[in-house]
Protein backbone atom coordinates (compact mmCIF):
# COMPACT_ATOMS: atom_id res chain seq x y z
CA MET A 1 -0.22 0.09 0.12
CA SER A 2 1.25 3.58 -0.57
CA ILE A 3 0.04 6.40 1.13
CA ASP A 4 0.85 10.33 0.44
CA TYR A 5 1.04 12.71 3.69
CA PRO A 6 1.15 16.24 2.97
CA ALA A 7 4.39 17.47 3.67
CA ASN A 8 6.18 20.82 3.19
CA PHE A 9 9.78 20.79 4.49
CA MET A 10 13.40 22.31 4.04
CA LEU A 11 16.04 19.67 4.02
CA ILE A 12 19.42 20.97 5.07
CA ALA A 13 22.29 18.26 4.63
CA SER A 14 26.08 18.65 5.03
CA MET A 15 28.72 16.30 4.14
CA ASN A 16 32.47 15.91 4.12
CA PRO A 17 34.35 16.54 0.97
CA CYS A 18 35.88 13.60 1.15
CA PRO A 19 36.39 9.93 3.60
CA CYS A 20 39.03 11.79 5.32
CA GLY A 21 37.43 15.29 5.17
CA PHE A 22 40.45 17.42 3.91
CA TYR A 23 39.74 17.55 0.06
CA ASN A 24 40.04 20.97 -1.15
CA HIS A 25 41.34 22.05 2.55
CA PRO A 26 43.74 25.31 2.28
CA GLU A 27 46.09 23.89 4.80
CA LYS A 28 45.72 20.17 5.18
CA GLU A 29 46.23 17.64 2.63
CA CYS A 30 43.83 15.06 1.53
CA ILE A 31 45.17 11.70 2.54
CA CYS A 32 42.62 9.65 0.23
CA PRO A 33 43.76 7.32 -2.36
CA PRO A 34 43.31 8.07 -5.83
CA GLY A 35 39.57 7.67 -6.78
CA ALA A 36 38.65 7.37 -3.54
CA VAL A 37 36.81 10.93 -3.36
CA GLN A 38 34.96 10.23 -6.86
CA ARG A 39 33.73 6.91 -5.15
CA TYR A 40 32.66 8.67 -1.94
CA LEU A 41 30.92 11.50 -3.85
CA ASN A 42 29.19 8.50 -6.02
CA LYS A 43 27.36 7.48 -2.94
CA ILE A 44 24.99 10.33 -3.63
CA SER A 45 22.81 9.82 -6.37
CA GLY A 46 22.57 12.36 -8.85
CA THR A 47 18.71 12.25 -8.86
CA LEU A 48 18.95 13.08 -5.12
CA LEU A 49 21.23 16.20 -5.83
CA ASP A 50 19.19 17.10 -8.69
CA ARG A 51 16.43 18.08 -5.74
CA ILE A 52 18.57 19.92 -3.88
CA ASP A 53 18.60 23.72 -4.44
CA LEU A 54 21.91 24.84 -3.32
CA HIS A 55 25.13 22.88 -3.18
CA VAL A 56 27.47 25.02 -1.25
CA GLU A 57 31.20 24.12 -0.70
CA VAL A 58 32.31 25.60 2.73
CA THR A 59 36.21 25.59 3.06
CA PRO A 60 37.54 26.04 6.35
CA ILE A 61 38.70 30.01 7.14
CA SER A 62 42.05 30.57 9.04
CA PHE A 63 42.15 32.05 12.24
CA ASP A 64 43.53 35.26 11.01
CA GLN A 65 40.31 35.63 8.75
CA MET A 66 38.21 34.54 11.70
CA THR A 67 39.61 37.25 14.11
CA SER A 68 39.44 39.69 11.63
CA ASN A 69 38.11 43.28 12.17
CA ARG A 70 36.45 42.99 8.43
CA LYS A 71 33.30 44.80 8.23
CA SER A 72 30.43 42.55 7.61
CA GLU A 73 26.65 43.26 7.12
CA ASN A 74 24.59 42.99 10.44
CA SER A 75 21.81 40.90 11.08
CA THR A 76 19.16 43.24 11.27
CA ALA A 77 20.13 44.43 7.73
CA ILE A 78 20.31 40.78 6.58
CA ARG A 79 16.66 40.15 8.30
CA ASP A 80 15.25 43.35 6.46
CA ARG A 81 16.16 41.96 3.16
CA VAL A 82 14.73 38.66 3.82
CA ILE A 83 11.47 40.16 4.71
CA SER A 84 11.36 42.46 1.86
CA ALA A 85 12.00 39.55 -0.41
CA GLN A 86 8.99 37.16 1.33
CA ASN A 87 7.02 40.17 0.69
CA ARG A 88 7.74 40.34 -2.87
CA GLN A 89 7.00 36.71 -3.29
CA LYS A 90 3.85 37.08 -1.11
CA LEU A 91 2.48 39.78 -3.49
CA ARG A 92 3.80 37.69 -6.45
CA PHE A 93 1.54 34.64 -5.52
CA GLU A 94 -1.32 36.16 -3.83
CA ARG A 95 -3.70 35.07 -6.55
CA HIS A 96 -1.98 31.23 -6.20
CA THR A 97 -3.31 29.91 -2.51
CA ALA A 98 -1.10 26.97 -3.20
CA ILE A 99 2.15 28.76 -3.48
CA HIS A 100 3.71 30.90 -1.05
CA ASN A 101 7.44 31.27 -2.20
CA ASN A 102 9.71 30.87 -5.52
CA ALA A 103 10.71 27.28 -4.49
CA MET A 104 6.81 26.40 -4.82
CA MET A 105 6.21 27.04 -8.21
CA PRO A 106 5.75 24.35 -10.63
CA SER A 107 7.76 23.93 -13.51
CA GLN A 108 5.46 25.26 -16.32
CA MET A 109 5.09 28.67 -14.07
CA VAL A 110 8.59 29.05 -13.74
CA LYS A 111 9.05 29.18 -17.83
CA ASN A 112 6.02 31.18 -18.32
CA ILE A 113 6.52 34.19 -16.00
CA TYR A 114 10.22 34.70 -16.19
CA SER A 115 11.68 36.33 -19.45
CA ILE A 116 15.27 36.19 -19.38
CA ASN A 117 17.37 38.40 -21.86
CA ALA A 118 19.59 36.91 -24.47
CA ALA A 119 22.81 37.14 -22.56
CA GLY A 120 21.03 35.24 -19.45
CA MET A 121 19.72 32.54 -21.88
CA LEU A 122 23.48 32.21 -23.34
CA LEU A 123 24.64 32.07 -19.95
CA LEU A 124 21.87 29.24 -19.10
CA LYS A 125 22.42 27.32 -22.19
CA THR A 126 26.50 26.94 -21.71
CA ALA A 127 25.89 25.95 -18.09
CA MET A 128 23.24 23.23 -19.28
CA ASP A 129 25.89 22.05 -21.77
CA ARG A 130 28.96 22.40 -19.86
CA LEU A 131 27.47 21.22 -16.65
CA GLY A 132 25.59 18.82 -18.03
CA LEU A 133 22.48 19.61 -16.10
CA SER A 134 19.12 18.36 -15.98
CA THR A 135 15.85 19.86 -16.74
CA ARG A 136 14.98 19.52 -13.18
CA ALA A 137 18.17 21.55 -12.27
CA TYR A 138 17.16 24.19 -15.09
CA ASP A 139 13.93 25.02 -13.37
CA ARG A 140 16.05 24.96 -9.90
CA ILE A 141 18.17 27.59 -11.02
CA LEU A 142 15.47 29.75 -12.32
CA LYS A 143 13.97 29.69 -8.78
CA VAL A 144 17.04 30.30 -6.88
CA ALA A 145 17.89 33.17 -9.41
CA ARG A 146 14.19 34.93 -8.76
CA THR A 147 14.98 34.47 -5.06
CA ILE A 148 18.27 36.14 -5.42
CA ALA A 149 16.79 39.04 -7.51
CA ASP A 150 14.19 39.04 -4.88
CA LEU A 151 16.64 39.60 -2.00
CA ALA A 152 18.42 42.23 -4.44
CA GLY A 153 15.12 43.96 -4.58
CA LYS A 154 14.91 43.45 -8.24
CA ASP A 155 12.22 43.12 -10.64
CA ASP A 156 13.61 41.22 -13.22
CA ILE A 157 16.21 38.45 -13.01
CA LEU A 158 19.68 39.97 -14.20
CA ILE A 159 22.59 37.83 -15.62
CA GLU A 160 24.24 38.09 -12.15
CA HIS A 161 21.68 36.42 -10.58
CA LEU A 162 21.63 33.44 -12.91
CA ALA A 163 25.61 33.15 -12.59
CA GLU A 164 25.29 33.04 -8.67
CA ALA A 165 22.35 30.57 -9.09
CA ILE A 166 24.13 28.55 -11.51
CA GLN A 167 27.45 28.71 -8.77
CA TYR A 168 25.37 27.15 -6.32
CA ARG A 169 25.05 23.74 -8.28
CA SER A 170 28.72 22.86 -7.44
CA LEU A 171 27.85 19.14 -6.98
CA ASP A 172 26.48 18.92 -10.61
CA ARG A 173 29.80 19.54 -12.19
CA GLU A 174 31.58 16.50 -13.87
CA ASN A 175 34.89 16.19 -12.58
CA TRP A 176 34.22 17.89 -9.12
CA ALA A 177 36.53 15.86 -7.11
CA GLY A 178 39.46 15.89 -9.86
């Protein structure tokens, strides 16, 4: 028997870059034998990765970076920007009772409501070809780019929003692990 339960959740997952944990580490050397990193990454199916919107490689920062007095955006400013983006999405989907944010848009809606200029389409086509991205990844890139544009307070998806969204698909890249 098969039962469907209504669910709406956000999955946040993490993993080491390799079995020893030091692949691409700025200060420590990976001790994994040849091919081990690729075998390790291959344990995660492409169909699962396809369904994850953001793939972000986080490398450790040095003590000097951690303790520097570099100016950064404060939490209040970030919160205000997120609330503004949420309000933009709320207005965008006010006629659609089942859709509350960009991530919930069906594929056809994504294609129908967002026009992207020629440069943006060329960037997307190049990314699709070079990275071997799926149709699902294409839809997710557009949804993420729309959210990035919302966070920037822009009505249109600009090429820089697309470029940022594409770079969040790092685990889709062939030969990521060398």
